Amino acid sequence: MPDQNTPRIRKNIEDYGDPYMHSQELHGDAQCRECKAIYHNQRWYLPESLPPDFTKSHKLVQVVCPACRKIADGMPGGVLKLSGDFLDQHRDDILRLLQNEENAARRSNPLERIMAVETNGTATMIQTTNEKLAQRLGKAVHRAYGGELDYKWSEDTKLARVTWRRDA
């Protein structure tokens, strides 16, 4: 039985409900003209994770990847809300932790990105391109700093809302 203090994470995240993932049927290799990510063998890669001569030896169709389209449309897949007195005192450290976590996630999936970071009053809202990254960021803050962590998923859209709070 799970510990009462351990937040529930939705593990069965699938992309079939995300209209951005399959609105472009890609046949063959492609490159995002915005972020330069490369689509190969039905997966997106960072250019540096492929062999150096890959772009010379493959014909790449220029497209806009699902993550860049979500960013342009302002359609997050996840939202992380950070709040509490502890956040006010450690905001820079926490944001640096989240940036490092995003970089690690992006190496394995270049479509996982932070879209926007907004601070309004005592809360900081972080929009992500997918729900999995929002969960990962929330879990990283909780693991590093404790506090209260909660997850909520929208029933009708592909959106996760993660909230973290810690008072001093």
Protein backbone atom coordinates (compact mmCIF):
# COMPACT_ATOMS: atom_id res chain seq x y z
CA MET A 1 0.00 0.00 0.00
CA PRO A 2 1.41 3.42 -0.95
CA ASP A 3 2.51 5.75 1.80
CA GLN A 4 -0.07 8.49 2.51
CA ASN A 5 2.60 11.19 2.05
CA THR A 6 3.67 9.93 -1.37
CA PRO A 7 1.86 11.81 -4.13
CA ARG A 8 0.11 9.74 -6.77
CA ILE A 9 1.71 9.95 -10.20
CA ARG A 10 -0.16 9.04 -13.35
CA LYS A 11 2.13 6.62 -15.14
CA ASN A 12 0.00 5.63 -18.11
CA ILE A 13 0.59 8.78 -20.09
CA GLU A 14 -0.10 8.26 -23.76
CA ASP A 15 0.25 10.59 -26.70
CA TYR A 16 -2.77 9.49 -28.71
CA GLY A 17 -4.97 12.07 -26.99
CA ASP A 18 -2.61 14.91 -27.84
CA PRO A 19 -3.70 16.51 -31.11
CA TYR A 20 -0.26 18.08 -31.62
CA MET A 21 1.50 14.73 -31.73
CA HIS A 22 -0.29 13.32 -34.76
CA SER A 23 -1.63 16.32 -36.64
CA GLN A 24 1.36 16.08 -38.99
CA GLU A 25 1.84 12.64 -40.44
CA LEU A 26 5.56 12.46 -41.00
CA HIS A 27 6.87 9.89 -43.44
CA GLY A 28 10.62 9.81 -43.38
CA ASP A 29 13.09 12.15 -41.75
CA ALA A 30 12.33 15.75 -40.80
CA GLN A 31 13.87 18.67 -38.93
CA CYS A 32 12.11 21.35 -36.93
CA ARG A 33 12.93 24.72 -38.45
CA GLU A 34 12.47 26.37 -35.01
CA CYS A 35 14.47 24.25 -32.54
CA LYS A 36 16.39 22.04 -35.02
CA ALA A 37 15.18 18.77 -33.41
CA ILE A 38 15.28 15.86 -35.87
CA TYR A 39 12.54 13.31 -36.50
CA HIS A 40 13.96 9.90 -37.43
CA ASN A 41 12.51 6.38 -37.08
CA GLN A 42 9.27 7.73 -35.56
CA ARG A 43 11.07 9.59 -32.76
CA TRP A 44 12.42 13.10 -32.14
CA TYR A 45 16.13 13.61 -31.34
CA LEU A 46 18.37 16.51 -30.47
CA PRO A 47 20.77 17.09 -33.38
CA GLU A 48 23.81 16.43 -31.17
CA SER A 49 22.50 12.97 -30.22
CA LEU A 50 22.74 11.78 -33.84
CA PRO A 51 25.96 11.12 -35.80
CA PRO A 52 27.64 14.37 -36.98
CA ASP A 53 27.09 13.60 -40.66
CA PHE A 54 23.41 12.62 -40.21
CA THR A 55 22.01 15.82 -41.74
CA LYS A 56 24.30 15.48 -44.75
CA SER A 57 23.42 11.84 -45.43
CA HIS A 58 19.64 12.16 -44.91
CA LYS A 59 17.12 14.29 -46.76
CA LEU A 60 15.29 16.24 -44.05
CA VAL A 61 11.89 17.80 -44.65
CA GLN A 62 11.52 21.12 -42.80
CA VAL A 63 8.58 21.13 -40.36
CA VAL A 64 7.66 22.63 -36.99
CA CYS A 65 7.79 20.01 -34.22
CA PRO A 66 4.83 19.46 -31.86
CA ALA A 67 6.61 21.20 -28.95
CA CYS A 68 7.35 24.36 -30.96
CA ARG A 69 3.75 24.40 -32.22
CA LYS A 70 2.43 24.13 -28.66
CA ILE A 71 4.71 26.97 -27.56
CA ALA A 72 3.58 29.16 -30.49
CA ASP A 73 -0.09 28.38 -29.77
CA GLY A 74 0.30 28.82 -26.00
CA MET A 75 -1.15 25.35 -25.34
CA PRO A 76 0.61 23.75 -22.36
CA GLY A 77 0.33 20.07 -21.57
CA GLY A 78 1.23 20.65 -17.93
CA VAL A 79 1.24 23.44 -15.39
CA LEU A 80 3.34 23.44 -12.23
CA LYS A 81 2.38 25.95 -9.55
CA LEU A 82 4.98 26.67 -6.88
CA SER A 83 4.02 28.63 -3.77
CA GLY A 84 4.76 29.22 -0.12
CA ASP A 85 7.13 31.24 2.04
CA PHE A 86 9.99 28.81 1.30
CA LEU A 87 9.67 29.59 -2.42
CA ASP A 88 10.16 33.31 -1.79
CA GLN A 89 13.44 32.61 0.00
CA HIS A 90 14.77 29.98 -2.44
CA ARG A 91 13.21 30.90 -5.80
CA ASP A 92 16.51 31.11 -7.72
CA ASP A 93 17.73 27.73 -6.44
CA ILE A 94 14.40 26.08 -7.21
CA LEU A 95 14.24 27.55 -10.72
CA ARG A 96 17.82 26.41 -11.36
CA LEU A 97 16.85 22.88 -10.23
CA LEU A 98 13.87 22.92 -12.61
CA GLN A 99 16.05 24.13 -15.50
CA ASN A 100 18.52 21.30 -14.87
CA GLU A 101 15.66 18.79 -14.72
CA GLU A 102 14.25 20.12 -18.01
CA ASN A 103 17.68 19.79 -19.65
CA ALA A 104 17.92 16.16 -18.51
CA ALA A 105 14.41 15.40 -19.77
CA ARG A 106 15.08 17.10 -23.08
CA ARG A 107 18.13 14.92 -23.76
CA SER A 108 15.90 11.84 -23.82
CA ASN A 109 12.89 13.59 -25.41
CA PRO A 110 13.42 16.97 -27.10
CA LEU A 111 9.66 17.59 -27.06
CA GLU A 112 9.68 17.94 -23.25
CA ARG A 113 10.20 21.65 -22.58
CA ILE A 114 9.36 24.45 -20.23
CA MET A 115 7.20 26.86 -22.22
CA ALA A 116 6.92 29.75 -19.79
CA VAL A 117 7.74 30.78 -16.23
CA GLU A 118 5.57 33.49 -14.69
CA THR A 119 5.72 34.89 -11.18
CA ASN A 120 2.63 36.66 -9.93
CA GLY A 121 2.75 37.71 -6.31
CA THR A 122 3.88 34.81 -4.16
CA ALA A 123 3.31 32.03 -6.73
CA THR A 124 5.32 30.91 -9.72
CA MET A 125 3.55 29.16 -12.62
CA ILE A 126 5.55 26.98 -14.99
CA GLN A 127 3.95 25.79 -18.23
CA THR A 128 5.34 22.68 -19.89
CA THR A 129 4.79 21.12 -23.30
CA ASN A 130 3.51 17.88 -21.80
CA GLU A 131 2.06 16.52 -18.59
CA LYS A 132 4.95 14.14 -17.99
CA LEU A 133 7.45 17.01 -17.64
CA ALA A 134 5.17 18.90 -15.21
CA GLN A 135 5.02 15.76 -13.05
CA ARG A 136 8.79 15.27 -13.27
CA LEU A 137 9.47 18.89 -12.25
CA GLY A 138 7.06 18.69 -9.32
CA LYS A 139 8.61 15.45 -8.16
CA ALA A 140 12.13 16.93 -8.39
CA VAL A 141 11.20 19.95 -6.24
CA HIS A 142 9.44 17.71 -3.72
CA ARG A 143 12.40 15.34 -3.55
CA ALA A 144 14.88 18.19 -3.06
CA TYR A 145 12.91 20.47 -0.72
CA GLY A 146 10.01 18.50 0.75
CA GLY A 147 6.71 20.32 1.08
CA GLU A 148 3.28 19.33 -0.20
CA LEU A 149 2.82 18.01 -3.73
CA ASP A 150 -0.47 17.37 -5.50
CA TYR A 151 -1.43 16.21 -9.00
CA LYS A 152 -4.67 16.80 -10.89
CA TRP A 153 -5.51 15.72 -14.44
CA SER A 154 -8.11 17.18 -16.71
CA GLU A 155 -10.70 14.67 -17.86
CA ASP A 156 -11.45 16.25 -21.21
CA THR A 157 -8.07 17.60 -22.30
CA LYS A 158 -4.48 16.48 -22.09
CA LEU A 159 -3.44 18.67 -19.16
CA ALA A 160 -1.83 17.97 -15.79
CA ARG A 161 -1.88 20.50 -12.98
CA VAL A 162 0.84 19.96 -10.40
CA THR A 163 1.01 22.08 -7.26
CA TRP A 164 3.89 22.29 -4.81
CA ARG A 165 3.81 24.31 -1.65
CA ARG A 166 6.15 24.71 1.27
CA ASP A 167 6.00 27.29 3.99
CA ALA A 168 9.13 28.30 5.92
